[in-house]
Amino acid sequence: MVASFNDAISAYRNAASGKTNTVAETVTGTGTKVNPGESFADMVRGAAHDARATMANSEQMTQKAITGDAELHEVVTAVSAAEVTLRTVVSVRDKAFEAYQSILNMPV
């Protein structure tokens, strides 16, 4: 989506005055709906809940595999999704820590 300079200025003015769009936008390629007025904390909270749900699903599928109630491909898919989620969470944590460290090292 290409926005013009005037559209960007209008969006900034609306955000500064407290007005937010009520239309949900779809993130390209993921199909995930995002509210443009959503705060950063809400976005992080939602991502954490999604990561937790992915990990819980992996555990459930592993337990089903032990009892013989799940197909092997379902278990492998769930465990792979959990692994990717864990790597993503660790990467985000590391980047946040690096940012925090760089802020602490800034001269005032």
PDB file of N, CA and C in Angstrom:
ATOM      1  N   MET A   1       0.840  -1.170   0.000  1.00  0.00           N
ATOM      2  CA  MET A   1       0.000   0.000   0.000  1.00  0.00           C
ATOM      3  C   MET A   1       0.883   1.230   0.000  1.00  0.00           C
ATOM      4  N   VAL A   2       0.724   2.086  -0.980  1.00  0.00           N
ATOM      5  CA  VAL A   2       1.505   3.303  -1.088  1.00  0.00           C
ATOM      6  C   VAL A   2       0.607   4.460  -0.673  1.00  0.00           C
ATOM      7  N   ALA A   3       1.069   5.210   0.307  1.00  0.00           N
ATOM      8  CA  ALA A   3       0.305   6.357   0.778  1.00  0.00           C
ATOM      9  C   ALA A   3       1.016   7.628   0.351  1.00  0.00           C
ATOM     10  N   SER A   4       0.219   8.648   0.096  1.00  0.00           N
ATOM     11  CA  SER A   4       0.817   9.925  -0.280  1.00  0.00           C
ATOM     12  C   SER A   4       1.255  10.672   0.968  1.00  0.00           C
ATOM     13  N   PHE A   5       2.017  11.721   0.756  1.00  0.00           N
ATOM     14  CA  PHE A   5       2.488  12.544   1.858  1.00  0.00           C
ATOM     15  C   PHE A   5       1.310  13.161   2.607  1.00  0.00           C
ATOM     16  N   ASN A   6       0.284  13.604   1.880  1.00  0.00           N
ATOM     17  CA  ASN A   6      -0.892  14.211   2.509  1.00  0.00           C
ATOM     18  C   ASN A   6      -1.649  13.201   3.356  1.00  0.00           C
ATOM     19  N   ASP A   7      -1.726  11.950   2.890  1.00  0.00           N
ATOM     20  CA  ASP A   7      -2.376  10.904   3.675  1.00  0.00           C
ATOM     21  C   ASP A   7      -1.626  10.664   4.978  1.00  0.00           C
ATOM     22  N   ALA A   8      -0.306  10.700   4.903  1.00  0.00           N
ATOM     23  CA  ALA A   8       0.513  10.509   6.102  1.00  0.00           C
ATOM     24  C   ALA A   8       0.297  11.643   7.093  1.00  0.00           C
ATOM     25  N   ILE A   9       0.237  12.879   6.597  1.00  0.00           N
ATOM     26  CA  ILE A   9       0.000  14.028   7.470  1.00  0.00           C
ATOM     27  C   ILE A   9      -1.376  13.924   8.113  1.00  0.00           C
ATOM     28  N   SER A  10      -2.379  13.535   7.338  1.00  0.00           N
ATOM     29  CA  SER A  10      -3.727  13.376   7.891  1.00  0.00           C
ATOM     30  C   SER A  10      -3.763  12.297   8.961  1.00  0.00           C
ATOM     31  N   ALA A  11      -3.096  11.208   8.722  1.00  0.00           N
ATOM     32  CA  ALA A  11      -3.062  10.123   9.707  1.00  0.00           C
ATOM     33  C   ALA A  11      -2.370  10.583  10.981  1.00  0.00           C
ATOM     34  N   TYR A  12      -1.298  11.352  10.834  1.00  0.00           N
ATOM     35  CA  TYR A  12      -0.586  11.866  12.005  1.00  0.00           C
ATOM     36  C   TYR A  12      -1.477  12.819  12.795  1.00  0.00           C
ATOM     37  N   ARG A  13      -2.166  13.717  12.109  1.00  0.00           N
ATOM     38  CA  ARG A  13      -3.057  14.658  12.801  1.00  0.00           C
ATOM     39  C   ARG A  13      -4.180  13.914  13.515  1.00  0.00           C
ATOM     40  N   ASN A  14      -4.747  12.901  12.865  1.00  0.00           N
ATOM     41  CA  ASN A  14      -5.809  12.124  13.506  1.00  0.00           C
ATOM     42  C   ASN A  14      -5.296  11.400  14.745  1.00  0.00           C
ATOM     43  N   ALA A  15      -4.102  10.835  14.648  1.00  0.00           N
ATOM     44  CA  ALA A  15      -3.527  10.129  15.787  1.00  0.00           C
ATOM     45  C   ALA A  15      -3.222  11.099  16.923  1.00  0.00           C
ATOM     46  N   ALA A  16      -2.722  12.286  16.586  1.00  0.00           N
ATOM     47  CA  ALA A  16      -2.384  13.271  17.608  1.00  0.00           C
ATOM     48  C   ALA A  16      -3.626  13.799  18.314  1.00  0.00           C
ATOM     49  N   SER A  17      -4.746  13.868  17.591  1.00  0.00           N
ATOM     50  CA  SER A  17      -5.978  14.362  18.198  1.00  0.00           C
ATOM     51  C   SER A  17      -6.775  13.257  18.870  1.00  0.00           C
ATOM     52  N   GLY A  18      -6.271  12.029  18.825  1.00  0.00           N
ATOM     53  CA  GLY A  18      -6.961  10.930  19.498  1.00  0.00           C
ATOM     54  C   GLY A  18      -7.924  10.177  18.604  1.00  0.00           C
ATOM     55  N   LYS A  19      -8.068  10.607  17.371  1.00  0.00           N
ATOM     56  CA  LYS A  19      -8.952   9.913  16.439  1.00  0.00           C
ATOM     57  C   LYS A  19      -8.201   8.723  15.842  1.00  0.00           C
ATOM     58  N   THR A  20      -8.825   7.572  15.839  1.00  0.00           N
ATOM     59  CA  THR A  20      -8.207   6.407  15.214  1.00  0.00           C
ATOM     60  C   THR A  20      -9.182   5.805  14.228  1.00  0.00           C
ATOM     61  N   ASN A  21      -8.629   5.106  13.280  1.00  0.00           N
ATOM     62  CA  ASN A  21      -9.464   4.431  12.297  1.00  0.00           C
ATOM     63  C   ASN A  21     -10.174   3.264  12.953  1.00  0.00           C
ATOM     64  N   THR A  22     -11.418   3.043  12.557  1.00  0.00           N
ATOM     65  CA  THR A  22     -12.153   1.904  13.097  1.00  0.00           C
ATOM     66  C   THR A  22     -12.109   0.724  12.142  1.00  0.00           C
ATOM     67  N   VAL A  23     -11.522   0.921  10.994  1.00  0.00           N
ATOM     68  CA  VAL A  23     -11.437  -0.140  10.008  1.00  0.00           C
ATOM     69  C   VAL A  23     -10.228  -1.010  10.311  1.00  0.00           C
ATOM     70  N   ALA A  24     -10.432  -2.316  10.349  1.00  0.00           N
ATOM     71  CA  ALA A  24      -9.307  -3.224  10.579  1.00  0.00           C
ATOM     72  C   ALA A  24      -8.592  -3.454   9.267  1.00  0.00           C
ATOM     73  N   GLU A  25      -7.281  -3.462   9.304  1.00  0.00           N
ATOM     74  CA  GLU A  25      -6.483  -3.707   8.119  1.00  0.00           C
ATOM     75  C   GLU A  25      -5.932  -5.122   8.180  1.00  0.00           C
ATOM     76  N   THR A  26      -5.668  -5.697   7.025  1.00  0.00           N
ATOM     77  CA  THR A  26      -5.107  -7.036   6.965  1.00  0.00           C
ATOM     78  C   THR A  26      -3.628  -6.939   6.672  1.00  0.00           C
ATOM     79  N   VAL A  27      -2.821  -7.593   7.505  1.00  0.00           N
ATOM     80  CA  VAL A  27      -1.381  -7.604   7.295  1.00  0.00           C
ATOM     81  C   VAL A  27      -1.097  -8.460   6.074  1.00  0.00           C
ATOM     82  N   THR A  28      -0.325  -7.939   5.166  1.00  0.00           N
ATOM     83  CA  THR A  28      -0.036  -8.617   3.914  1.00  0.00           C
ATOM     84  C   THR A  28       0.643  -9.957   4.158  1.00  0.00           C
ATOM     85  N   GLY A  29       0.084 -10.999   3.581  1.00  0.00           N
ATOM     86  CA  GLY A  29       0.706 -12.310   3.630  1.00  0.00           C
ATOM     87  C   GLY A  29       0.309 -13.161   4.825  1.00  0.00           C
ATOM     88  N   THR A  30      -0.177 -12.528   5.902  1.00  0.00           N
ATOM     89  CA  THR A  30      -0.518 -13.316   7.080  1.00  0.00           C
ATOM     90  C   THR A  30      -2.013 -13.499   7.247  1.00  0.00           C
ATOM     91  N   GLY A  31      -2.796 -12.574   6.696  1.00  0.00           N
ATOM     92  CA  GLY A  31      -4.235 -12.648   6.864  1.00  0.00           C
ATOM     93  C   GLY A  31      -4.691 -12.189   8.238  1.00  0.00           C
ATOM     94  N   THR A  32      -3.775 -11.686   9.050  1.00  0.00           N
ATOM     95  CA  THR A  32      -4.095 -11.255  10.398  1.00  0.00           C
ATOM     96  C   THR A  32      -4.734  -9.878  10.357  1.00  0.00           C
ATOM     97  N   LYS A  33      -5.824  -9.716  11.094  1.00  0.00           N
ATOM     98  CA  LYS A  33      -6.487  -8.421  11.172  1.00  0.00           C
ATOM     99  C   LYS A  33      -5.804  -7.581  12.237  1.00  0.00           C
ATOM    100  N   VAL A  34      -5.553  -6.315  11.919  1.00  0.00           N
ATOM    101  CA  VAL A  34      -4.889  -5.403  12.834  1.00  0.00           C
ATOM    102  C   VAL A  34      -5.704  -4.129  12.918  1.00  0.00           C
ATOM    103  N   ASN A  35      -5.933  -3.661  14.127  1.00  0.00           N
ATOM    104  CA  ASN A  35      -6.611  -2.392  14.324  1.00  0.00           C
ATOM    105  C   ASN A  35      -5.555  -1.297  14.296  1.00  0.00           C
ATOM    106  N   PRO A  36      -5.654  -0.339  13.372  1.00  0.00           N
ATOM    107  CA  PRO A  36      -4.628   0.698  13.283  1.00  0.00           C
ATOM    108  C   PRO A  36      -4.501   1.530  14.556  1.00  0.00           C
ATOM    109  N   GLY A  37      -5.539   1.582  15.385  1.00  0.00           N
ATOM    110  CA  GLY A  37      -5.498   2.353  16.613  1.00  0.00           C
ATOM    111  C   GLY A  37      -5.001   1.553  17.804  1.00  0.00           C
ATOM    112  N   GLU A  38      -4.588   0.319  17.568  1.00  0.00           N
ATOM    113  CA  GLU A  38      -4.138  -0.548  18.645  1.00  0.00           C
ATOM    114  C   GLU A  38      -2.802  -0.042  19.200  1.00  0.00           C
ATOM    115  N   SER A  39      -2.665  -0.068  20.518  1.00  0.00           N
ATOM    116  CA  SER A  39      -1.425   0.398  21.114  1.00  0.00           C
ATOM    117  C   SER A  39      -0.341  -0.671  20.989  1.00  0.00           C
ATOM    118  N   PHE A  40       0.895  -0.251  21.182  1.00  0.00           N
ATOM    119  CA  PHE A  40       2.016  -1.181  21.104  1.00  0.00           C
ATOM    120  C   PHE A  40       1.893  -2.249  22.185  1.00  0.00           C
ATOM    121  N   ALA A  41       1.470  -1.843  23.376  1.00  0.00           N
ATOM    122  CA  ALA A  41       1.309  -2.802  24.474  1.00  0.00           C
ATOM    123  C   ALA A  41       0.256  -3.850  24.133  1.00  0.00           C
ATOM    124  N   ASP A  42      -0.833  -3.440  23.495  1.00  0.00           N
ATOM    125  CA  ASP A  42      -1.865  -4.398  23.090  1.00  0.00           C
ATOM    126  C   ASP A  42      -1.342  -5.360  22.031  1.00  0.00           C
ATOM    127  N   MET A  43      -0.527  -4.840  21.114  1.00  0.00           N
ATOM    128  CA  MET A  43       0.051  -5.689  20.078  1.00  0.00           C
ATOM    129  C   MET A  43       0.992  -6.730  20.688  1.00  0.00           C
ATOM    130  N   VAL A  44       1.824  -6.297  21.638  1.00  0.00           N
ATOM    131  CA  VAL A  44       2.747  -7.222  22.289  1.00  0.00           C
ATOM    132  C   VAL A  44       1.971  -8.250  23.113  1.00  0.00           C
ATOM    133  N   ARG A  45       0.944  -7.793  23.824  1.00  0.00           N
ATOM    134  CA  ARG A  45       0.115  -8.697  24.617  1.00  0.00           C
ATOM    135  C   ARG A  45      -0.543  -9.757  23.718  1.00  0.00           C
ATOM    136  N   GLY A  46      -1.061  -9.329  22.579  1.00  0.00           N
ATOM    137  CA  GLY A  46      -1.687 -10.270  21.648  1.00  0.00           C
ATOM    138  C   GLY A  46      -0.685 -11.274  21.095  1.00  0.00           C
ATOM    139  N   ALA A  47       0.520 -10.801  20.779  1.00  0.00           N
ATOM    140  CA  ALA A  47       1.553 -11.708  20.280  1.00  0.00           C
ATOM    141  C   ALA A  47       1.957 -12.715  21.351  1.00  0.00           C
ATOM    142  N   ALA A  48       2.024 -12.261  22.608  1.00  0.00           N
ATOM    143  CA  ALA A  48       2.375 -13.176  23.702  1.00  0.00           C
ATOM    144  C   ALA A  48       1.294 -14.233  23.895  1.00  0.00           C
ATOM    145  N   HIS A  49       0.042 -13.831  23.791  1.00  0.00           N
ATOM    146  CA  HIS A  49      -1.055 -14.801  23.916  1.00  0.00           C
ATOM    147  C   HIS A  49      -1.026 -15.812  22.770  1.00  0.00           C
ATOM    148  N   ASP A  50      -0.729 -15.328  21.563  1.00  0.00           N
ATOM    149  CA  ASP A  50      -0.632 -16.233  20.414  1.00  0.00           C
ATOM    150  C   ASP A  50       0.516 -17.220  20.590  1.00  0.00           C
ATOM    151  N   ALA A  51       1.650 -16.732  21.102  1.00  0.00           N
ATOM    152  CA  ALA A  51       2.797 -17.616  21.330  1.00  0.00           C
ATOM    153  C   ALA A  51       2.458 -18.667  22.379  1.00  0.00           C
ATOM    154  N   ARG A  52       1.787 -18.232  23.428  1.00  0.00           N
ATOM    155  CA  ARG A  52       1.390 -19.182  24.493  1.00  0.00           C
ATOM    156  C   ARG A  52       0.423 -20.235  23.948  1.00  0.00           C
ATOM    157  N   ALA A  53      -0.522 -19.807  23.110  1.00  0.00           N
ATOM    158  CA  ALA A  53      -1.477 -20.748  22.532  1.00  0.00           C
ATOM    159  C   ALA A  53      -0.778 -21.759  21.625  1.00  0.00           C
ATOM    160  N   THR A  54       0.217 -21.304  20.867  1.00  0.00           N
ATOM    161  CA  THR A  54       0.975 -22.198  19.995  1.00  0.00           C
ATOM    162  C   THR A  54       1.729 -23.236  20.813  1.00  0.00           C
ATOM    163  N   MET A  55       2.350 -22.794  21.915  1.00  0.00           N
ATOM    164  CA  MET A  55       3.083 -23.723  22.775  1.00  0.00           C
ATOM    165  C   MET A  55       2.131 -24.729  23.432  1.00  0.00           C
ATOM    166  N   ALA A  56       0.969 -24.254  23.889  1.00  0.00           N
ATOM    167  CA  ALA A  56      -0.006 -25.144  24.520  1.00  0.00           C
ATOM    168  C   ALA A  56      -0.525 -26.177  23.521  1.00  0.00           C
ATOM    169  N   ASN A  57      -0.748 -25.748  22.277  1.00  0.00           N
ATOM    170  CA  ASN A  57      -1.199 -26.676  21.241  1.00  0.00           C
ATOM    171  C   ASN A  57      -0.150 -27.747  20.982  1.00  0.00           C
ATOM    172  N   SER A  58       1.112 -27.355  20.975  1.00  0.00           N
ATOM    173  CA  SER A  58       2.193 -28.315  20.773  1.00  0.00           C
ATOM    174  C   SER A  58       2.216 -29.346  21.891  1.00  0.00           C
ATOM    175  N   GLU A  59       2.041 -28.884  23.131  1.00  0.00           N
ATOM    176  CA  GLU A  59       2.024 -29.811  24.264  1.00  0.00           C
ATOM    177  C   GLU A  59       0.848 -30.775  24.177  1.00  0.00           C
ATOM    178  N   GLN A  60      -0.311 -30.250  23.794  1.00  0.00           N
ATOM    179  CA  GLN A  60      -1.496 -31.111  23.661  1.00  0.00           C
ATOM    180  C   GLN A  60      -1.301 -32.153  22.570  1.00  0.00           C
ATOM    181  N   MET A  61      -0.731 -31.742  21.453  1.00  0.00           N
ATOM    182  CA  MET A  61      -0.515 -32.689  20.364  1.00  0.00           C
ATOM    183  C   MET A  61       0.512 -33.753  20.761  1.00  0.00           C
ATOM    184  N   THR A  62       1.520 -33.351  21.528  1.00  0.00           N
ATOM    185  CA  THR A  62       2.513 -34.314  21.994  1.00  0.00           C
ATOM    186  C   THR A  62       1.871 -35.328  22.933  1.00  0.00           C
ATOM    187  N   GLN A  63       1.003 -34.868  23.816  1.00  0.00           N
ATOM    188  CA  GLN A  63       0.303 -35.780  24.717  1.00  0.00           C
ATOM    189  C   GLN A  63      -0.616 -36.716  23.947  1.00  0.00           C
ATOM    190  N   LYS A  64      -1.285 -36.191  22.916  1.00  0.00           N
ATOM    191  CA  LYS A  64      -2.140 -37.043  22.083  1.00  0.00           C
ATOM    192  C   LYS A  64      -1.317 -38.083  21.336  1.00  0.00           C
ATOM    193  N   ALA A  65      -0.108 -37.718  20.929  1.00  0.00           N
ATOM    194  CA  ALA A  65       0.763 -38.663  20.222  1.00  0.00           C
ATOM    195  C   ALA A  65       1.172 -39.798  21.150  1.00  0.00           C
ATOM    196  N   ILE A  66       1.420 -39.476  22.412  1.00  0.00           N
ATOM    197  CA  ILE A  66       1.804 -40.509  23.375  1.00  0.00           C
ATOM    198  C   ILE A  66       0.682 -41.522  23.561  1.00  0.00           C
ATOM    199  N   THR A  67      -0.563 -41.032  23.586  1.00  0.00           N
ATOM    200  CA  THR A  67      -1.704 -41.934  23.769  1.00  0.00           C
ATOM    201  C   THR A  67      -2.174 -42.543  22.451  1.00  0.00           C
ATOM    202  N   GLY A  68      -1.621 -42.085  21.335  1.00  0.00           N
ATOM    203  CA  GLY A  68      -1.985 -42.638  20.034  1.00  0.00           C
ATOM    204  C   GLY A  68      -3.208 -41.991  19.418  1.00  0.00           C
ATOM    205  N   ASP A  69      -3.606 -40.808  19.907  1.00  0.00           N
ATOM    206  CA  ASP A  69      -4.801 -40.126  19.404  1.00  0.00           C
ATOM    207  C   ASP A  69      -4.511 -39.116  18.301  1.00  0.00           C
ATOM    208  N   ALA A  70      -3.245 -38.917  17.947  1.00  0.00           N
ATOM    209  CA  ALA A  70      -2.903 -37.920  16.935  1.00  0.00           C
ATOM    210  C   ALA A  70      -2.038 -38.541  15.849  1.00  0.00           C
ATOM    211  N   GLU A  71      -2.196 -37.996  14.664  1.00  0.00           N
ATOM    212  CA  GLU A  71      -1.372 -38.431  13.547  1.00  0.00           C
ATOM    213  C   GLU A  71       0.023 -37.828  13.676  1.00  0.00           C
ATOM    214  N   LEU A  72       0.995 -38.500  13.133  1.00  0.00           N
ATOM    215  CA  LEU A  72       2.380 -38.060  13.231  1.00  0.00           C
ATOM    216  C   LEU A  72       2.596 -36.701  12.581  1.00  0.00           C
ATOM    217  N   HIS A  73       2.001 -36.478  11.429  1.00  0.00           N
ATOM    218  CA  HIS A  73       2.200 -35.201  10.737  1.00  0.00           C
ATOM    219  C   HIS A  73       1.610 -34.036  11.531  1.00  0.00           C
ATOM    220  N   GLU A  74       0.512 -34.269  12.266  1.00  0.00           N
ATOM    221  CA  GLU A  74      -0.058 -33.211  13.100  1.00  0.00           C
ATOM    222  C   GLU A  74       0.889 -32.845  14.237  1.00  0.00           C
ATOM    223  N   VAL A  75       1.504 -33.854  14.818  1.00  0.00           N
ATOM    224  CA  VAL A  75       2.437 -33.628  15.921  1.00  0.00           C
ATOM    225  C   VAL A  75       3.670 -32.886  15.420  1.00  0.00           C
ATOM    226  N   VAL A  76       4.206 -33.316  14.301  1.00  0.00           N
ATOM    227  CA  VAL A  76       5.396 -32.665  13.745  1.00  0.00           C
ATOM    228  C   VAL A  76       5.097 -31.213  13.403  1.00  0.00           C
ATOM    229  N   THR A  77       3.940 -30.952  12.830  1.00  0.00           N
ATOM    230  CA  THR A  77       3.558 -29.586  12.485  1.00  0.00           C
ATOM    231  C   THR A  77       3.430 -28.725  13.742  1.00  0.00           C
ATOM    232  N   ALA A  78       2.785 -29.248  14.768  1.00  0.00           N
ATOM    233  CA  ALA A  78       2.609 -28.486  16.015  1.00  0.00           C
ATOM    234  C   ALA A  78       3.945 -28.213  16.701  1.00  0.00           C
ATOM    235  N   VAL A  79       4.808 -29.208  16.734  1.00  0.00           N
ATOM    236  CA  VAL A  79       6.119 -29.027  17.372  1.00  0.00           C
ATOM    237  C   VAL A  79       6.979 -28.049  16.565  1.00  0.00           C
ATOM    238  N   SER A  80       6.907 -28.115  15.253  1.00  0.00           N
ATOM    239  CA  SER A  80       7.661 -27.172  14.410  1.00  0.00           C
ATOM    240  C   SER A  80       7.165 -25.743  14.617  1.00  0.00           C
ATOM    241  N   ALA A  81       5.853 -25.568  14.712  1.00  0.00           N
ATOM    242  CA  ALA A  81       5.297 -24.239  14.960  1.00  0.00           C
ATOM    243  C   ALA A  81       5.748 -23.715  16.319  1.00  0.00           C
ATOM    244  N   ALA A  82       5.795 -24.592  17.310  1.00  0.00           N
ATOM    245  CA  ALA A  82       6.254 -24.185  18.642  1.00  0.00           C
ATOM    246  C   ALA A  82       7.727 -23.796  18.613  1.00  0.00           C
ATOM    247  N   GLU A  83       8.520 -24.525  17.853  1.00  0.00           N
ATOM    248  CA  GLU A  83       9.951 -24.212  17.751  1.00  0.00           C
ATOM    249  C   GLU A  83      10.168 -22.852  17.097  1.00  0.00           C
ATOM    250  N   VAL A  84       9.445 -22.586  16.014  1.00  0.00           N
ATOM    251  CA  VAL A  84       9.561 -21.292  15.332  1.00  0.00           C
ATOM    252  C   VAL A  84       9.095 -20.171  16.263  1.00  0.00           C
ATOM    253  N   THR A  85       8.012 -20.408  16.992  1.00  0.00           N
ATOM    254  CA  THR A  85       7.507 -19.405  17.930  1.00  0.00           C
ATOM    255  C   THR A  85       8.525 -19.117  19.020  1.00  0.00           C
ATOM    256  N   LEU A  86       9.119 -20.158  19.567  1.00  0.00           N
ATOM    257  CA  LEU A  86      10.117 -19.977  20.621  1.00  0.00           C
ATOM    258  C   LEU A  86      11.320 -19.199  20.106  1.00  0.00           C
ATOM    259  N   ARG A  87      11.789 -19.527  18.918  1.00  0.00           N
ATOM    260  CA  ARG A  87      12.929 -18.797  18.343  1.00  0.00           C
ATOM    261  C   ARG A  87      12.587 -17.327  18.115  1.00  0.00           C
ATOM    262  N   THR A  88      11.356 -17.062  17.683  1.00  0.00           N
ATOM    263  CA  THR A  88      10.924 -15.686  17.457  1.00  0.00           C
ATOM    264  C   THR A  88      10.871 -14.917  18.772  1.00  0.00           C
ATOM    265  N   VAL A  89      10.294 -15.529  19.798  1.00  0.00           N
ATOM    266  CA  VAL A  89      10.192 -14.873  21.097  1.00  0.00           C
ATOM    267  C   VAL A  89      11.584 -14.573  21.658  1.00  0.00           C
ATOM    268  N   VAL A  90      12.487 -15.518  21.558  1.00  0.00           N
ATOM    269  CA  VAL A  90      13.853 -15.308  22.051  1.00  0.00           C
ATOM    270  C   VAL A  90      14.534 -14.201  21.260  1.00  0.00           C
ATOM    271  N   SER A  91      14.343 -14.166  19.957  1.00  0.00           N
ATOM    272  CA  SER A  91      14.947 -13.131  19.125  1.00  0.00           C
ATOM    273  C   SER A  91      14.414 -11.747  19.489  1.00  0.00           C
ATOM    274  N   VAL A  92      13.112 -11.640  19.690  1.00  0.00           N
ATOM    275  CA  VAL A  92      12.515 -10.357  20.071  1.00  0.00           C
ATOM    276  C   VAL A  92      13.029  -9.935  21.446  1.00  0.00           C
ATOM    277  N   ARG A  93      13.109 -10.883  22.368  1.00  0.00           N
ATOM    278  CA  ARG A  93      13.636 -10.575  23.700  1.00  0.00           C
ATOM    279  C   ARG A  93      15.063 -10.048  23.602  1.00  0.00           C
ATOM    280  N   ASP A  94      15.895 -10.704  22.795  1.00  0.00           N
ATOM    281  CA  ASP A  94      17.287 -10.283  22.642  1.00  0.00           C
ATOM    282  C   ASP A  94      17.383  -8.875  22.055  1.00  0.00           C
ATOM    283  N   LYS A  95      16.554  -8.591  21.055  1.00  0.00           N
ATOM    284  CA  LYS A  95      16.583  -7.257  20.435  1.00  0.00           C
ATOM    285  C   LYS A  95      16.106  -6.194  21.421  1.00  0.00           C
ATOM    286  N   ALA A  96      15.088  -6.499  22.221  1.00  0.00           N
ATOM    287  CA  ALA A  96      14.604  -5.549  23.227  1.00  0.00           C
ATOM    288  C   ALA A  96      15.687  -5.284  24.267  1.00  0.00           C
ATOM    289  N   PHE A  97      16.396  -6.322  24.661  1.00  0.00           N
ATOM    290  CA  PHE A  97      17.478  -6.167  25.633  1.00  0.00           C
ATOM    291  C   PHE A  97      18.614  -5.333  25.043  1.00  0.00           C
ATOM    292  N   GLU A  98      18.954  -5.572  23.787  1.00  0.00           N
ATOM    293  CA  GLU A  98      19.992  -4.776  23.132  1.00  0.00           C
ATOM    294  C   GLU A  98      19.591  -3.303  23.065  1.00  0.00           C
ATOM    295  N   ALA A  99      18.327  -3.046  22.758  1.00  0.00           N
ATOM    296  CA  ALA A  99      17.844  -1.663  22.700  1.00  0.00           C
ATOM    297  C   ALA A  99      17.927  -1.015  24.077  1.00  0.00           C
ATOM    298  N   TYR A 100      17.550  -1.749  25.093  1.00  0.00           N
ATOM    299  CA  TYR A 100      17.621  -1.241  26.460  1.00  0.00           C
ATOM    300  C   TYR A 100      19.063  -0.922  26.841  1.00  0.00           C
ATOM    301  N   GLN A 101      19.971  -1.827  26.496  1.00  0.00           N
ATOM    302  CA  GLN A 101      21.383  -1.601  26.799  1.00  0.00           C
ATOM    303  C   GLN A 101      21.928  -0.373  26.061  1.00  0.00           C
ATOM    304  N   SER A 102      21.540  -0.188  24.813  1.00  0.00           N
ATOM    305  CA  SER A 102      22.029   0.959  24.060  1.00  0.00           C
ATOM    306  C   SER A 102      21.464   2.273  24.621  1.00  0.00           C
ATOM    307  N   ILE A 103      20.240   2.235  25.128  1.00  0.00           N
ATOM    308  CA  ILE A 103      19.668   3.424  25.763  1.00  0.00           C
ATOM    309  C   ILE A 103      20.421   3.751  27.049  1.00  0.00           C
ATOM    310  N   LEU A 104      20.764   2.711  27.813  1.00  0.00           N
ATOM    311  CA  LEU A 104      21.510   2.939  29.050  1.00  0.00           C
ATOM    312  C   LEU A 104      22.896   3.503  28.781  1.00  0.00           C
ATOM    313  N   ASN A 105      23.501   3.149  27.673  1.00  0.00           N
ATOM    314  CA  ASN A 105      24.852   3.602  27.353  1.00  0.00           C
ATOM    315  C   ASN A 105      24.896   4.983  26.690  1.00  0.00           C
ATOM    316  N   MET A 106      23.724   5.571  26.424  1.00  0.00           N
ATOM    317  CA  MET A 106      23.694   6.897  25.805  1.00  0.00           C
ATOM    318  C   MET A 106      24.124   7.961  26.807  1.00  0.00           C
ATOM    319  N   PRO A 107      24.959   8.872  26.359  1.00  0.00           N
ATOM    320  CA  PRO A 107      25.334   9.968  27.263  1.00  0.00           C
ATOM    321  C   PRO A 107      24.195  10.972  27.394  1.00  0.00           C
ATOM    322  N   VAL A 108      24.037  11.494  28.599  1.00  0.00           N
ATOM    323  CA  VAL A 108      22.978  12.484  28.825  1.00  0.00           C
ATOM    324  C   VAL A 108      23.517  13.856  29.109  1.00  0.00           C
TER     325      VAL A 108
END
